[in-house]
N, C-alpha and C. Protein backbone atom coordinates (compact mmCIF):
# COMPACT_ATOMS: atom_id res chain seq x y z
N UNK A 1 201.60 135.27 3.15
CA UNK A 1 202.35 136.38 3.45
C UNK A 1 201.25 137.65 3.98
N UNK A 2 201.81 138.01 4.94
CA UNK A 2 200.84 139.33 5.61
C UNK A 2 201.11 140.98 5.00
N UNK A 3 200.05 141.40 4.92
CA UNK A 3 200.72 142.85 4.21
C UNK A 3 199.92 144.05 4.67
N UNK A 4 200.22 145.04 4.85
CA UNK A 4 199.68 146.07 5.60
C UNK A 4 199.40 147.77 4.69
N UNK A 5 198.65 148.18 4.66
CA UNK A 5 198.05 149.25 3.34
C UNK A 5 198.78 150.09 3.99
N UNK A 6 199.24 150.84 2.72
CA UNK A 6 199.86 152.01 3.16
C UNK A 6 199.21 153.38 2.59
N UNK A 7 199.54 154.45 3.32
CA UNK A 7 198.82 155.46 3.25
C UNK A 7 199.58 156.19 2.08
N UNK A 8 198.29 156.76 1.11
CA UNK A 8 198.81 157.41 -0.69
C UNK A 8 197.57 158.45 -0.68
N UNK A 9 198.53 159.43 -0.16
CA UNK A 9 196.63 161.01 -0.09
C UNK A 9 195.95 160.76 0.49
N UNK A 10 194.85 160.81 0.01
CA UNK A 10 193.71 160.45 0.98
C UNK A 10 193.40 158.83 0.61
N UNK A 11 193.99 157.88 -0.10
CA UNK A 11 193.40 156.67 -0.25
C UNK A 11 194.15 155.87 0.72
N UNK A 12 194.59 154.04 0.27
CA UNK A 12 195.00 153.10 0.90
C UNK A 12 195.44 152.76 -0.69
N UNK A 13 197.08 152.13 -0.56
CA UNK A 13 197.40 151.05 -1.48
C UNK A 13 198.11 149.78 -0.99
N UNK A 14 198.15 148.95 -1.67
CA UNK A 14 198.67 147.58 -1.22
C UNK A 14 199.99 147.44 -2.48
N UNK A 15 201.00 147.65 -1.72
CA UNK A 15 202.06 147.74 -2.35
C UNK A 15 202.43 145.64 -2.66
N UNK A 16 202.83 145.43 -3.76
CA UNK A 16 203.15 144.48 -4.09
C UNK A 16 204.13 144.14 -4.53
N UNK A 17 205.41 143.08 -3.85
CA UNK A 17 206.36 143.02 -4.32
C UNK A 17 206.90 142.72 -5.76
N UNK A 18 208.23 142.51 -5.80
CA UNK A 18 208.49 142.30 -7.63
C UNK A 18 208.57 140.75 -8.13
N UNK A 19 208.61 140.21 -7.08
CA UNK A 19 208.70 138.58 -7.17
C UNK A 19 207.22 138.07 -7.40
N UNK A 20 206.22 138.61 -7.37
CA UNK A 20 204.91 138.80 -6.61
C UNK A 20 204.63 138.83 -8.58
N UNK A 21 205.22 140.45 -8.73
CA UNK A 21 205.04 141.03 -9.90
C UNK A 21 205.21 140.37 -11.54
N UNK A 22 206.42 139.88 -11.32
CA UNK A 22 207.26 139.24 -12.19
C UNK A 22 206.04 137.74 -12.72
N UNK A 23 206.03 136.88 -11.09
CA UNK A 23 205.66 135.77 -11.03
C UNK A 23 204.32 135.65 -12.26
N UNK A 24 203.36 136.83 -12.32
CA UNK A 24 202.12 137.16 -12.65
C UNK A 24 202.31 137.96 -13.53
N UNK A 25 203.35 138.25 -14.55
CA UNK A 25 204.00 139.13 -15.13
C UNK A 25 203.51 140.11 -15.11
N UNK A 26 202.57 140.92 -14.23
CA UNK A 26 202.14 142.29 -14.19
C UNK A 26 203.40 142.79 -13.96
N UNK A 27 203.05 144.77 -14.56
CA UNK A 27 203.93 145.56 -14.40
C UNK A 27 202.83 147.01 -14.18
N UNK A 28 203.42 148.33 -14.26
CA UNK A 28 202.13 148.97 -13.73
C UNK A 28 201.01 149.90 -14.86
N UNK A 29 201.57 149.04 -16.07
CA UNK A 29 200.83 149.35 -16.94
C UNK A 29 199.55 148.22 -17.18
N UNK A 30 199.89 146.86 -16.37
CA UNK A 30 198.49 146.51 -16.83
C UNK A 30 197.83 146.59 -15.71
N UNK A 31 196.22 146.43 -16.59
CA UNK A 31 195.24 146.53 -16.11
C UNK A 31 194.66 145.73 -15.14
N UNK A 32 193.89 146.00 -14.14
CA UNK A 32 194.05 144.94 -13.11
C UNK A 32 192.48 144.73 -12.67
N UNK A 33 191.81 143.92 -12.54
CA UNK A 33 190.03 143.75 -12.17
C UNK A 33 190.31 143.88 -10.68
N UNK A 34 190.14 144.53 -9.59
CA UNK A 34 189.66 144.48 -8.09
C UNK A 34 187.86 143.99 -8.33
N UNK A 35 187.47 142.87 -7.39
CA UNK A 35 186.74 142.17 -6.88
C UNK A 35 186.53 142.03 -5.52
N UNK A 36 185.26 141.57 -4.99
CA UNK A 36 185.30 140.96 -3.61
C UNK A 36 184.33 139.61 -3.87
N UNK A 37 184.08 139.14 -2.36
CA UNK A 37 183.12 138.38 -2.38
C UNK A 37 182.40 138.29 -1.01
N UNK A 38 182.88 139.85 -0.42
CA UNK A 38 181.56 140.16 0.65
C UNK A 38 182.77 139.82 1.84
N UNK A 39 183.75 139.02 2.00
CA UNK A 39 185.02 138.94 3.24
C UNK A 39 186.43 138.78 2.28
N UNK A 40 186.55 138.39 0.95
CA UNK A 40 187.79 138.79 0.63
C UNK A 40 188.29 139.91 -0.56
N UNK A 41 189.32 140.43 -0.78
CA UNK A 41 189.47 141.09 -1.84
C UNK A 41 190.34 140.34 -3.09
N UNK A 42 189.83 140.50 -4.63
CA UNK A 42 190.59 139.54 -5.08
C UNK A 42 191.02 140.50 -6.35
N UNK A 43 192.33 140.31 -6.83
CA UNK A 43 192.90 141.56 -7.84
C UNK A 43 193.51 140.19 -9.03
N UNK A 44 193.05 140.53 -9.79
CA UNK A 44 192.75 139.29 -11.72
C UNK A 44 193.40 140.74 -12.09
N UNK A 45 194.77 139.89 -13.15
CA UNK A 45 195.14 141.01 -13.91
C UNK A 45 194.27 140.53 -15.27
N UNK A 46 193.84 141.88 -16.09
CA UNK A 46 192.94 141.68 -17.27
C UNK A 46 194.01 141.26 -18.85
N UNK A 47 193.94 140.17 -19.28
CA UNK A 47 195.00 139.73 -20.29
C UNK A 47 193.84 140.02 -21.78
N UNK A 48 194.88 140.55 -22.15
CA UNK A 48 193.87 140.58 -23.79
C UNK A 48 193.95 139.57 -25.05
N UNK A 49 192.75 138.66 -24.70
CA UNK A 49 192.92 137.52 -25.71
C UNK A 49 193.38 137.34 -26.68
N UNK A 50 192.82 138.55 -27.61
CA UNK A 50 193.60 138.25 -28.72
C UNK A 50 195.10 138.50 -29.17
N UNK A 51 195.76 139.38 -27.81
CA UNK A 51 196.98 139.18 -28.37
C UNK A 51 197.82 137.51 -27.47
N UNK A 52 196.66 137.11 -26.75
CA UNK A 52 197.79 136.28 -26.17
C UNK A 52 197.37 134.44 -27.04
N UNK A 53 196.34 135.11 -27.29
CA UNK A 53 195.96 133.69 -28.77
C UNK A 53 197.31 134.16 -30.35
N UNK A 54 197.29 135.63 -30.11
CA UNK A 54 198.11 135.69 -31.35
C UNK A 54 199.94 134.90 -30.76
N UNK A 55 200.46 135.76 -29.48
CA UNK A 55 201.44 134.59 -29.39
C UNK A 55 201.51 133.10 -29.37
N UNK A 56 200.47 132.61 -29.02
CA UNK A 56 200.18 131.20 -29.60
C UNK A 56 200.06 130.70 -30.13
N UNK A 57 200.06 131.09 -31.24
CA UNK A 57 200.00 131.17 -32.85
C UNK A 57 201.32 131.19 -33.19
N UNK A 58 202.02 132.53 -32.73
CA UNK A 58 202.99 132.80 -33.37
C UNK A 58 204.23 131.68 -32.86
N UNK A 59 203.74 130.84 -31.70
CA UNK A 59 204.84 129.88 -31.28
C UNK A 59 205.18 128.50 -31.71
N UNK A 60 203.28 128.51 -31.99
CA UNK A 60 203.22 127.01 -32.65
C UNK A 60 203.95 126.83 -33.85
N UNK A 61 204.17 128.11 -34.53
CA UNK A 61 204.37 128.17 -36.13
C UNK A 61 205.36 128.05 -36.16
N UNK A 62 206.16 128.41 -35.01
CA UNK A 62 207.45 128.34 -34.84
C UNK A 62 208.63 127.27 -34.57
N UNK A 63 207.60 126.93 -33.78
CA UNK A 63 207.30 125.30 -33.20
C UNK A 63 207.60 124.21 -35.01
N UNK A 64 206.87 124.87 -35.18
CA UNK A 64 206.52 123.67 -36.27
C UNK A 64 207.75 123.66 -37.19
N UNK A 65 208.18 125.03 -37.21
CA UNK A 65 209.10 125.19 -38.72
C UNK A 65 210.60 125.52 -37.99
N UNK A 66 210.81 125.31 -36.84
CA UNK A 66 212.07 125.35 -36.06
C UNK A 66 212.05 124.16 -35.68
N UNK A 67 211.71 123.41 -35.14
CA UNK A 67 211.40 122.90 -34.11
C UNK A 67 212.45 121.60 -34.04
N UNK A 68 212.63 121.10 -34.83
CA UNK A 68 213.71 120.01 -35.38
C UNK A 68 214.68 120.76 -35.06
N UNK A 69 215.28 121.48 -35.89
CA UNK A 69 217.19 122.52 -35.61
C UNK A 69 216.75 123.21 -34.66
N UNK A 70 216.11 123.67 -34.03
CA UNK A 70 216.16 123.85 -32.48
C UNK A 70 216.79 122.82 -31.34
N UNK A 71 216.04 121.68 -31.77
CA UNK A 71 216.10 120.69 -30.42
C UNK A 71 217.57 119.64 -30.68
N UNK A 72 217.35 119.40 -32.45
CA UNK A 72 219.71 119.35 -32.94
C UNK A 72 220.41 120.31 -32.43
N UNK A 73 219.92 121.84 -32.09
CA UNK A 73 221.40 122.67 -31.42
C UNK A 73 220.66 122.34 -29.46
N UNK A 74 219.96 122.28 -29.46
CA UNK A 74 219.96 121.69 -27.81
C UNK A 74 220.65 120.46 -27.53
N UNK A 75 220.67 119.46 -27.89
CA UNK A 75 221.10 118.06 -28.09
C UNK A 75 222.88 118.37 -28.26
């Protein structure tokens, strides 16, 4: 994908398409880390590890409690 920067006031902006945003689970409120190695720009979403761990725990608990029932419903 080749992109061009867009003028935004006295700055330049990089517009990211909806498909890429959806794929990376990024929205306007997602904090992003912008770094460089000297030749490339790297934009990485900053994830809240505690929040992600709570979600993983909740999913595991749901699977433990309701996994067999959901499997039967799917069949």
